């Protein structure tokens, strides 16, 4: 089974690209969605102990947590030490299930793939990319986003050019949805060829 890591900086269109792989029948494990699920499950207690006041109605309140991290960015390392092993456990269960089901390839959608050393766990890397001005426009259009918050988020991510240099495939989202969809289809075709030995 080929394990494909899908990554991309904030605002490049990674989530939309992950959905395109799903549309083509590729199993996708979404690290972000897993984190959100963990905030309602096994992460509640440890996160609540590490960050008093962020658990509201028995779930980790993401706005309260974001405010806490914005005020004290040094808390990111503490949060990641709690969350990353839990996400990894869910990822391993997903991979085991897909192997058992005979999936030829799967996608691990990991926003901080390079930043967390995740590239060591995958066979191929797909980087979603777009022009800096497109990225900025998309991110600042999000509710509650500010220049300051955008700069802080970018500072935690490897530069786009470096990600592209380390990719096996790049999906450029500047050209719109159909163009991106075509690029995803070409990647799936390349994976099929590799599986069948035609690569």
C-alpha atoms as a PDB file:
ATOM      1  CA  UNK A   1       0.000   0.000   0.000  1.00  0.00           C
ATOM      2  CA  UNK A   2       1.376   3.397  -0.991  1.00  0.00           C
ATOM      3  CA  UNK A   3       1.006   6.004   1.769  1.00  0.00           C
ATOM      4  CA  UNK A   4       0.701   9.514   0.342  1.00  0.00           C
ATOM      5  CA  UNK A   5       1.255  12.549   2.556  1.00  0.00           C
ATOM      6  CA  UNK A   6      -0.838  15.561   1.565  1.00  0.00           C
ATOM      7  CA  UNK A   7       0.230  18.936   2.922  1.00  0.00           C
ATOM      8  CA  UNK A   8       0.169  22.638   2.158  1.00  0.00           C
ATOM      9  CA  UNK A   9       0.365  25.954   3.942  1.00  0.00           C
ATOM     10  CA  UNK A  10      -2.746  27.677   5.300  1.00  0.00           C
ATOM     11  CA  UNK A  11      -5.020  29.019   2.552  1.00  0.00           C
ATOM     12  CA  UNK A  12      -3.504  27.019  -0.310  1.00  0.00           C
ATOM     13  CA  UNK A  13      -6.582  24.786  -0.751  1.00  0.00           C
ATOM     14  CA  UNK A  14      -5.385  21.596   0.937  1.00  0.00           C
ATOM     15  CA  UNK A  15      -8.782  20.608   2.382  1.00  0.00           C
ATOM     16  CA  UNK A  16     -10.453  21.089  -1.010  1.00  0.00           C
ATOM     17  CA  UNK A  17      -7.717  18.975  -2.624  1.00  0.00           C
ATOM     18  CA  UNK A  18      -8.209  16.232  -0.008  1.00  0.00           C
ATOM     19  CA  UNK A  19     -11.911  16.192  -0.928  1.00  0.00           C
ATOM     20  CA  UNK A  20     -10.933  15.695  -4.588  1.00  0.00           C
ATOM     21  CA  UNK A  21      -8.944  12.572  -3.678  1.00  0.00           C
ATOM     22  CA  UNK A  22     -12.002  11.308  -1.758  1.00  0.00           C
ATOM     23  CA  UNK A  23     -14.206  11.935  -4.819  1.00  0.00           C
ATOM     24  CA  UNK A  24     -11.903   9.580  -6.752  1.00  0.00           C
ATOM     25  CA  UNK A  25     -12.371   6.869  -4.112  1.00  0.00           C
ATOM     26  CA  UNK A  26      -9.051   7.331  -2.326  1.00  0.00           C
ATOM     27  CA  UNK A  27      -9.277   6.768   1.471  1.00  0.00           C
ATOM     28  CA  UNK A  28      -8.180   9.962   3.265  1.00  0.00           C
ATOM     29  CA  UNK A  29      -7.222  10.385   6.920  1.00  0.00           C
ATOM     30  CA  UNK A  30      -7.727  14.014   7.979  1.00  0.00           C
ATOM     31  CA  UNK A  31      -5.400  15.028  10.841  1.00  0.00           C
ATOM     32  CA  UNK A  32      -7.281  18.294  11.482  1.00  0.00           C
ATOM     33  CA  UNK A  33     -10.663  16.539  11.725  1.00  0.00           C
ATOM     34  CA  UNK A  34      -9.045  13.995  14.072  1.00  0.00           C
ATOM     35  CA  UNK A  35      -7.829  16.807  16.339  1.00  0.00           C
ATOM     36  CA  UNK A  36     -11.330  18.310  16.448  1.00  0.00           C
ATOM     37  CA  UNK A  37     -12.701  14.892  17.372  1.00  0.00           C
ATOM     38  CA  UNK A  38     -10.052  14.453  20.076  1.00  0.00           C
ATOM     39  CA  UNK A  39     -11.086  17.810  21.558  1.00  0.00           C
ATOM     40  CA  UNK A  40     -14.444  16.157  22.296  1.00  0.00           C
ATOM     41  CA  UNK A  41     -12.935  12.864  23.478  1.00  0.00           C
ATOM     42  CA  UNK A  42      -9.647  11.666  24.963  1.00  0.00           C
ATOM     43  CA  UNK A  43      -7.805  15.013  24.688  1.00  0.00           C
ATOM     44  CA  UNK A  44     -10.286  16.860  26.932  1.00  0.00           C
ATOM     45  CA  UNK A  45      -8.735  15.905  30.261  1.00  0.00           C
ATOM     46  CA  UNK A  46      -5.013  16.386  29.437  1.00  0.00           C
ATOM     47  CA  UNK A  47      -5.614  19.648  27.519  1.00  0.00           C
ATOM     48  CA  UNK A  48      -7.835  20.953  30.325  1.00  0.00           C
ATOM     49  CA  UNK A  49      -5.075  20.236  32.860  1.00  0.00           C
ATOM     50  CA  UNK A  50      -2.389  21.880  30.711  1.00  0.00           C
ATOM     51  CA  UNK A  51      -4.514  24.920  29.828  1.00  0.00           C
ATOM     52  CA  UNK A  52      -6.947  25.731  32.671  1.00  0.00           C
ATOM     53  CA  UNK A  53     -10.148  27.391  31.460  1.00  0.00           C
ATOM     54  CA  UNK A  54     -10.180  26.080  27.879  1.00  0.00           C
ATOM     55  CA  UNK A  55     -12.577  23.191  28.565  1.00  0.00           C
ATOM     56  CA  UNK A  56     -16.188  24.375  28.396  1.00  0.00           C
ATOM     57  CA  UNK A  57     -19.171  21.985  28.641  1.00  0.00           C
ATOM     58  CA  UNK A  58     -16.832  18.966  28.670  1.00  0.00           C
ATOM     59  CA  UNK A  59     -15.154  19.800  25.348  1.00  0.00           C
ATOM     60  CA  UNK A  60     -12.008  21.752  24.492  1.00  0.00           C
ATOM     61  CA  UNK A  61     -13.259  25.144  23.341  1.00  0.00           C
ATOM     62  CA  UNK A  62     -11.148  25.901  20.268  1.00  0.00           C
ATOM     63  CA  UNK A  63     -11.688  29.678  20.503  1.00  0.00           C
ATOM     64  CA  UNK A  64     -10.574  29.736  24.146  1.00  0.00           C
ATOM     65  CA  UNK A  65      -7.558  27.556  23.280  1.00  0.00           C
ATOM     66  CA  UNK A  66      -6.649  29.765  20.292  1.00  0.00           C
ATOM     67  CA  UNK A  67      -6.844  32.874  22.500  1.00  0.00           C
ATOM     68  CA  UNK A  68      -4.597  31.226  25.083  1.00  0.00           C
ATOM     69  CA  UNK A  69      -2.016  30.213  22.440  1.00  0.00           C
ATOM     70  CA  UNK A  70      -2.161  33.629  20.801  1.00  0.00           C
ATOM     71  CA  UNK A  71      -1.344  35.249  24.150  1.00  0.00           C
ATOM     72  CA  UNK A  72       1.291  32.643  25.059  1.00  0.00           C
ATOM     73  CA  UNK A  73       2.705  30.959  21.898  1.00  0.00           C
ATOM     74  CA  UNK A  74       5.120  28.897  24.014  1.00  0.00           C
ATOM     75  CA  UNK A  75       2.059  26.743  24.825  1.00  0.00           C
ATOM     76  CA  UNK A  76       2.108  25.244  21.304  1.00  0.00           C
ATOM     77  CA  UNK A  77       4.870  22.800  22.253  1.00  0.00           C
ATOM     78  CA  UNK A  78       2.893  21.686  25.320  1.00  0.00           C
ATOM     79  CA  UNK A  79      -0.272  21.213  23.263  1.00  0.00           C
ATOM     80  CA  UNK A  80       1.555  19.286  20.513  1.00  0.00           C
ATOM     81  CA  UNK A  81       3.122  16.953  23.091  1.00  0.00           C
ATOM     82  CA  UNK A  82      -0.429  15.981  24.124  1.00  0.00           C
ATOM     83  CA  UNK A  83      -2.136  15.936  20.725  1.00  0.00           C
ATOM     84  CA  UNK A  84       0.430  14.473  18.316  1.00  0.00           C
ATOM     85  CA  UNK A  85       0.682  11.009  19.947  1.00  0.00           C
ATOM     86  CA  UNK A  86      -3.152  10.765  20.037  1.00  0.00           C
ATOM     87  CA  UNK A  87      -3.433  11.739  16.352  1.00  0.00           C
ATOM     88  CA  UNK A  88      -0.678   9.255  15.502  1.00  0.00           C
ATOM     89  CA  UNK A  89      -2.636   6.484  17.255  1.00  0.00           C
ATOM     90  CA  UNK A  90      -5.716   7.228  15.157  1.00  0.00           C
ATOM     91  CA  UNK A  91      -3.562   7.350  12.019  1.00  0.00           C
ATOM     92  CA  UNK A  92      -2.051   3.918  12.734  1.00  0.00           C
ATOM     93  CA  UNK A  93      -5.546   2.453  13.229  1.00  0.00           C
ATOM     94  CA  UNK A  94      -6.643   3.995   9.893  1.00  0.00           C
ATOM     95  CA  UNK A  95      -3.619   2.553   8.049  1.00  0.00           C
ATOM     96  CA  UNK A  96      -4.131  -0.898   9.594  1.00  0.00           C
ATOM     97  CA  UNK A  97      -7.801  -0.884   8.572  1.00  0.00           C
ATOM     98  CA  UNK A  98      -7.010   0.207   5.000  1.00  0.00           C
ATOM     99  CA  UNK A  99      -4.262  -2.413   4.630  1.00  0.00           C
ATOM    100  CA  UNK A 100      -6.704  -5.077   5.838  1.00  0.00           C
ATOM    101  CA  UNK A 101      -9.271  -3.801   3.318  1.00  0.00           C
ATOM    102  CA  UNK A 102      -6.704  -4.109   0.501  1.00  0.00           C
ATOM    103  CA  UNK A 103      -6.502  -0.395  -0.375  1.00  0.00           C
ATOM    104  CA  UNK A 104      -3.754   0.137  -3.011  1.00  0.00           C
ATOM    105  CA  UNK A 105      -2.985   3.631  -1.678  1.00  0.00           C
ATOM    106  CA  UNK A 106      -4.216   6.094   0.946  1.00  0.00           C
ATOM    107  CA  UNK A 107      -3.781   9.791   1.662  1.00  0.00           C
ATOM    108  CA  UNK A 108      -2.744  11.185   5.041  1.00  0.00           C
ATOM    109  CA  UNK A 109      -3.888  14.819   5.112  1.00  0.00           C
ATOM    110  CA  UNK A 110      -1.350  16.396   7.511  1.00  0.00           C
ATOM    111  CA  UNK A 111      -1.107  20.221   7.594  1.00  0.00           C
ATOM    112  CA  UNK A 112       2.258  20.215   9.443  1.00  0.00           C
ATOM    113  CA  UNK A 113       3.711  17.192   7.636  1.00  0.00           C
ATOM    114  CA  UNK A 114       7.299  18.472   7.362  1.00  0.00           C
ATOM    115  CA  UNK A 115       7.187  20.475  10.588  1.00  0.00           C
ATOM    116  CA  UNK A 116       6.364  17.343  12.632  1.00  0.00           C
ATOM    117  CA  UNK A 117       8.654  14.902  10.787  1.00  0.00           C
ATOM    118  CA  UNK A 118       5.654  13.211   9.149  1.00  0.00           C
ATOM    119  CA  UNK A 119       7.447  12.890   5.814  1.00  0.00           C
ATOM    120  CA  UNK A 120       9.314   9.897   7.297  1.00  0.00           C
ATOM    121  CA  UNK A 121       6.001   7.989   7.560  1.00  0.00           C
ATOM    122  CA  UNK A 122       4.915   8.387   3.926  1.00  0.00           C
ATOM    123  CA  UNK A 123       6.041   7.037   0.559  1.00  0.00           C
ATOM    124  CA  UNK A 124       4.991  10.009  -1.607  1.00  0.00           C
ATOM    125  CA  UNK A 125       4.351  13.674  -0.850  1.00  0.00           C
ATOM    126  CA  UNK A 126       1.747  15.926  -2.472  1.00  0.00           C
ATOM    127  CA  UNK A 127       2.114  19.644  -1.731  1.00  0.00           C
ATOM    128  CA  UNK A 128      -0.804  21.994  -2.403  1.00  0.00           C
ATOM    129  CA  UNK A 129       0.432  25.438  -3.393  1.00  0.00           C
ATOM    130  CA  UNK A 130      -0.698  28.823  -4.688  1.00  0.00           C
ATOM    131  CA  UNK A 131       0.708  32.325  -5.177  1.00  0.00           C
ATOM    132  CA  UNK A 132       1.409  34.251  -1.926  1.00  0.00           C
ATOM    133  CA  UNK A 133      -1.119  36.963  -2.818  1.00  0.00           C
ATOM    134  CA  UNK A 134      -3.828  34.340  -3.453  1.00  0.00           C
ATOM    135  CA  UNK A 135      -3.022  32.678  -0.128  1.00  0.00           C
ATOM    136  CA  UNK A 136      -3.149  35.979   1.757  1.00  0.00           C
ATOM    137  CA  UNK A 137      -6.460  36.967   0.160  1.00  0.00           C
ATOM    138  CA  UNK A 138      -8.063  33.600   1.006  1.00  0.00           C
ATOM    139  CA  UNK A 139      -6.863  33.526   4.618  1.00  0.00           C
ATOM    140  CA  UNK A 140      -7.757  37.133   5.456  1.00  0.00           C
ATOM    141  CA  UNK A 141     -11.272  36.495   4.109  1.00  0.00           C
ATOM    142  CA  UNK A 142     -11.840  33.955   6.918  1.00  0.00           C
ATOM    143  CA  UNK A 143     -14.009  35.069   9.852  1.00  0.00           C
ATOM    144  CA  UNK A 144     -11.978  36.424  12.763  1.00  0.00           C
ATOM    145  CA  UNK A 145      -8.675  36.347  10.851  1.00  0.00           C
ATOM    146  CA  UNK A 146      -6.259  39.245  11.301  1.00  0.00           C
ATOM    147  CA  UNK A 147      -2.889  40.152   9.783  1.00  0.00           C
ATOM    148  CA  UNK A 148      -1.263  39.384  13.120  1.00  0.00           C
ATOM    149  CA  UNK A 149      -2.879  35.931  13.401  1.00  0.00           C
ATOM    150  CA  UNK A 150      -2.016  35.124   9.770  1.00  0.00           C
ATOM    151  CA  UNK A 151       1.640  36.082  10.366  1.00  0.00           C
ATOM    152  CA  UNK A 152       1.737  33.935  13.517  1.00  0.00           C
ATOM    153  CA  UNK A 153       0.273  30.908  11.682  1.00  0.00           C
ATOM    154  CA  UNK A 154       2.699  31.332   8.768  1.00  0.00           C
ATOM    155  CA  UNK A 155       5.647  31.527  11.171  1.00  0.00           C
ATOM    156  CA  UNK A 156       4.881  27.988  12.348  1.00  0.00           C
ATOM    157  CA  UNK A 157       4.872  26.591   8.795  1.00  0.00           C
ATOM    158  CA  UNK A 158       7.734  25.721   6.482  1.00  0.00           C
ATOM    159  CA  UNK A 159       7.920  28.198   3.555  1.00  0.00           C
ATOM    160  CA  UNK A 160       5.873  27.145   0.523  1.00  0.00           C
ATOM    161  CA  UNK A 161       8.904  27.072  -1.803  1.00  0.00           C
ATOM    162  CA  UNK A 162      10.697  24.631   0.516  1.00  0.00           C
ATOM    163  CA  UNK A 163       7.639  22.357   0.641  1.00  0.00           C
ATOM    164  CA  UNK A 164       7.373  22.335  -3.156  1.00  0.00           C
ATOM    165  CA  UNK A 165      11.084  21.471  -3.446  1.00  0.00           C
ATOM    166  CA  UNK A 166      10.532  18.383  -1.270  1.00  0.00           C
ATOM    167  CA  UNK A 167       7.338  17.203  -3.010  1.00  0.00           C
ATOM    168  CA  UNK A 168       6.814  14.292  -5.396  1.00  0.00           C
ATOM    169  CA  UNK A 169       3.736  16.050  -6.763  1.00  0.00           C
ATOM    170  CA  UNK A 170       2.518  19.669  -6.575  1.00  0.00           C
ATOM    171  CA  UNK A 171      -1.132  20.694  -6.953  1.00  0.00           C
ATOM    172  CA  UNK A 172      -1.344  24.376  -7.902  1.00  0.00           C
ATOM    173  CA  UNK A 173      -4.711  25.872  -6.935  1.00  0.00           C
ATOM    174  CA  UNK A 174      -4.329  29.297  -8.577  1.00  0.00           C
ATOM    175  CA  UNK A 175      -6.133  28.095 -11.702  1.00  0.00           C
ATOM    176  CA  UNK A 176      -9.429  27.169 -10.030  1.00  0.00           C
ATOM    177  CA  UNK A 177     -11.204  23.969  -9.044  1.00  0.00           C
ATOM    178  CA  UNK A 178     -11.331  22.178 -12.391  1.00  0.00           C
ATOM    179  CA  UNK A 179      -7.639  22.665 -13.022  1.00  0.00           C
ATOM    180  CA  UNK A 180      -6.824  21.379  -9.530  1.00  0.00           C
ATOM    181  CA  UNK A 181      -9.176  18.425 -10.020  1.00  0.00           C
ATOM    182  CA  UNK A 182      -7.313  17.515 -13.224  1.00  0.00           C
ATOM    183  CA  UNK A 183      -3.969  17.611 -11.390  1.00  0.00           C
ATOM    184  CA  UNK A 184      -5.351  15.306  -8.666  1.00  0.00           C
ATOM    185  CA  UNK A 185      -6.623  12.883 -11.334  1.00  0.00           C
ATOM    186  CA  UNK A 186      -3.127  12.814 -12.877  1.00  0.00           C
ATOM    187  CA  UNK A 187      -1.597  11.970  -9.468  1.00  0.00           C
ATOM    188  CA  UNK A 188      -4.064   9.104  -8.983  1.00  0.00           C
ATOM    189  CA  UNK A 189      -3.234   7.873 -12.491  1.00  0.00           C
ATOM    190  CA  UNK A 190       0.505   7.939 -11.622  1.00  0.00           C
ATOM    191  CA  UNK A 191      -0.187   5.965  -8.416  1.00  0.00           C
ATOM    192  CA  UNK A 192      -2.221   3.391 -10.373  1.00  0.00           C
ATOM    193  CA  UNK A 193       0.678   2.973 -12.816  1.00  0.00           C
ATOM    194  CA  UNK A 194       3.112   2.481  -9.941  1.00  0.00           C
ATOM    195  CA  UNK A 195       0.839  -0.132  -8.322  1.00  0.00           C
ATOM    196  CA  UNK A 196       0.485  -2.002 -11.608  1.00  0.00           C
ATOM    197  CA  UNK A 197       4.234  -1.817 -12.285  1.00  0.00           C
ATOM    198  CA  UNK A 198       3.940   0.420 -15.367  1.00  0.00           C
ATOM    199  CA  UNK A 199       5.701   3.379 -13.734  1.00  0.00           C
END
